[in-house]
Amino acid sequence: MRMNLNVALGIGVACLVAFYLVKALSRPISDLGRLLLRSAVAFCLIWAVDVAGSLFGFHLGLNLASALTMGLLGIPGAALILAVKYFI
């Protein structure tokens, strides 16, 4: 049984589209995974600062928004959270 030329070209184009679609989506998924990992580390750091700060009467809000802020912005995010705590 012989394959029609149109079917062969269609399969080839579909494979190329699938390849580039997977390649295009792999970077955002990787970036999302990196953000989640950094946010988890930030969550642990906020918790550690909150536990250590409780000895001195210093508390930070341990929530998803603060962890995502620190995970996304890094050290400037930590400074932002501290500024919000002291100025608001």
C-alpha atoms as a PDB file:
ATOM      1  CA  MET A   1       0.000   0.000   0.000  1.00  0.00           C
ATOM      2  CA  ARG A   2       1.473   3.291  -1.083  1.00  0.00           C
ATOM      3  CA  MET A   3       1.158   6.500   0.893  1.00  0.00           C
ATOM      4  CA  ASN A   4      -0.303   9.459  -0.897  1.00  0.00           C
ATOM      5  CA  LEU A   5       2.066  12.443  -1.231  1.00  0.00           C
ATOM      6  CA  ASN A   6      -0.444  14.776   0.441  1.00  0.00           C
ATOM      7  CA  VAL A   7      -0.696  12.484   3.461  1.00  0.00           C
ATOM      8  CA  ALA A   8       3.086  12.255   3.763  1.00  0.00           C
ATOM      9  CA  LEU A   9       3.462  16.044   3.574  1.00  0.00           C
ATOM     10  CA  GLY A  10       0.639  16.503   6.087  1.00  0.00           C
ATOM     11  CA  ILE A  11       2.316  14.134   8.550  1.00  0.00           C
ATOM     12  CA  GLY A  12       5.637  15.938   8.095  1.00  0.00           C
ATOM     13  CA  VAL A  13       4.088  19.360   8.680  1.00  0.00           C
ATOM     14  CA  ALA A  14       2.200  18.063  11.739  1.00  0.00           C
ATOM     15  CA  CYS A  15       5.430  16.683  13.195  1.00  0.00           C
ATOM     16  CA  LEU A  16       7.226  20.006  12.649  1.00  0.00           C
ATOM     17  CA  VAL A  17       4.364  21.957  14.222  1.00  0.00           C
ATOM     18  CA  ALA A  18       4.295  19.588  17.212  1.00  0.00           C
ATOM     19  CA  PHE A  19       8.075  19.858  17.635  1.00  0.00           C
ATOM     20  CA  TYR A  20       8.089  23.671  17.621  1.00  0.00           C
ATOM     21  CA  LEU A  21       5.026  23.825  19.866  1.00  0.00           C
ATOM     22  CA  VAL A  22       6.696  21.644  22.484  1.00  0.00           C
ATOM     23  CA  LYS A  23       9.902  23.653  22.158  1.00  0.00           C
ATOM     24  CA  ALA A  24       8.013  26.951  22.563  1.00  0.00           C
ATOM     25  CA  LEU A  25       6.089  25.734  25.624  1.00  0.00           C
ATOM     26  CA  SER A  26       9.058  24.154  27.392  1.00  0.00           C
ATOM     27  CA  ARG A  27      10.659  27.485  28.320  1.00  0.00           C
ATOM     28  CA  PRO A  28       7.601  28.998  30.077  1.00  0.00           C
ATOM     29  CA  ILE A  29       7.081  25.740  31.962  1.00  0.00           C
ATOM     30  CA  SER A  30      10.737  25.787  32.993  1.00  0.00           C
ATOM     31  CA  ASP A  31      10.416  29.416  34.110  1.00  0.00           C
ATOM     32  CA  LEU A  32       7.294  28.556  36.114  1.00  0.00           C
ATOM     33  CA  GLY A  33       9.129  25.688  37.807  1.00  0.00           C
ATOM     34  CA  ARG A  34      12.032  27.995  38.662  1.00  0.00           C
ATOM     35  CA  LEU A  35       9.604  30.562  40.123  1.00  0.00           C
ATOM     36  CA  LEU A  36       7.896  27.896  42.230  1.00  0.00           C
ATOM     37  CA  LEU A  37      11.231  26.630  43.532  1.00  0.00           C
ATOM     38  CA  ARG A  38      12.419  30.145  44.392  1.00  0.00           C
ATOM     39  CA  SER A  39       9.084  30.881  46.081  1.00  0.00           C
ATOM     40  CA  ALA A  40       9.364  27.703  48.158  1.00  0.00           C
ATOM     41  CA  VAL A  41      12.856  28.742  49.287  1.00  0.00           C
ATOM     42  CA  ALA A  42      11.549  32.252  50.057  1.00  0.00           C
ATOM     43  CA  PHE A  43       8.690  30.720  52.061  1.00  0.00           C
ATOM     44  CA  CYS A  44      11.217  28.769  54.149  1.00  0.00           C
ATOM     45  CA  LEU A  45      13.377  31.878  54.627  1.00  0.00           C
ATOM     46  CA  ILE A  46      10.385  33.951  55.737  1.00  0.00           C
ATOM     47  CA  TRP A  47       9.454  31.216  58.188  1.00  0.00           C
ATOM     48  CA  ALA A  48      13.017  31.078  59.550  1.00  0.00           C
ATOM     49  CA  VAL A  49      13.131  34.871  59.944  1.00  0.00           C
ATOM     50  CA  ASP A  50       9.731  34.790  61.636  1.00  0.00           C
ATOM     51  CA  VAL A  51      10.850  32.095  64.091  1.00  0.00           C
ATOM     52  CA  ALA A  52      14.167  33.816  64.828  1.00  0.00           C
ATOM     53  CA  GLY A  53      12.514  37.240  64.936  1.00  0.00           C
ATOM     54  CA  SER A  54       9.921  36.095  67.455  1.00  0.00           C
ATOM     55  CA  LEU A  55      12.704  36.162  70.047  1.00  0.00           C
ATOM     56  CA  PHE A  56      13.015  39.928  69.425  1.00  0.00           C
ATOM     57  CA  GLY A  57       9.351  40.721  68.786  1.00  0.00           C
ATOM     58  CA  PHE A  58       9.776  40.899  64.993  1.00  0.00           C
ATOM     59  CA  HIS A  59       7.219  39.128  62.780  1.00  0.00           C
ATOM     60  CA  LEU A  60       6.746  38.879  59.032  1.00  0.00           C
ATOM     61  CA  GLY A  61       3.551  37.841  57.304  1.00  0.00           C
ATOM     62  CA  LEU A  62       3.997  34.288  56.081  1.00  0.00           C
ATOM     63  CA  ASN A  63       1.673  33.966  53.097  1.00  0.00           C
ATOM     64  CA  LEU A  64       1.663  33.108  49.432  1.00  0.00           C
ATOM     65  CA  ALA A  65       1.867  36.738  48.277  1.00  0.00           C
ATOM     66  CA  SER A  66       5.033  37.464  50.265  1.00  0.00           C
ATOM     67  CA  ALA A  67       6.650  34.194  49.151  1.00  0.00           C
ATOM     68  CA  LEU A  68       5.837  34.886  45.489  1.00  0.00           C
ATOM     69  CA  THR A  69       7.116  38.470  45.819  1.00  0.00           C
ATOM     70  CA  MET A  70      10.425  37.276  47.216  1.00  0.00           C
ATOM     71  CA  GLY A  71      10.591  34.403  44.732  1.00  0.00           C
ATOM     72  CA  LEU A  72       9.992  36.672  41.771  1.00  0.00           C
ATOM     73  CA  LEU A  73      12.089  39.683  42.816  1.00  0.00           C
ATOM     74  CA  GLY A  74      14.721  38.080  45.071  1.00  0.00           C
ATOM     75  CA  ILE A  75      16.523  40.397  47.506  1.00  0.00           C
ATOM     76  CA  PRO A  76      14.689  43.521  46.265  1.00  0.00           C
ATOM     77  CA  GLY A  77      11.466  41.633  46.997  1.00  0.00           C
ATOM     78  CA  ALA A  78      12.626  41.022  50.566  1.00  0.00           C
ATOM     79  CA  ALA A  79      13.397  44.737  50.876  1.00  0.00           C
ATOM     80  CA  LEU A  80       9.952  45.533  49.502  1.00  0.00           C
ATOM     81  CA  ILE A  81       8.271  43.288  52.074  1.00  0.00           C
ATOM     82  CA  LEU A  82      10.273  44.892  54.877  1.00  0.00           C
ATOM     83  CA  ALA A  83       9.426  48.379  53.598  1.00  0.00           C
ATOM     84  CA  VAL A  84       5.740  47.518  53.477  1.00  0.00           C
ATOM     85  CA  LYS A  85       5.922  46.158  57.017  1.00  0.00           C
ATOM     86  CA  TYR A  86       7.562  49.279  58.423  1.00  0.00           C
ATOM     87  CA  PHE A  87       5.862  52.018  56.392  1.00  0.00           C
ATOM     88  CA  ILE A  88       2.302  50.697  56.238  1.00  0.00           C
END
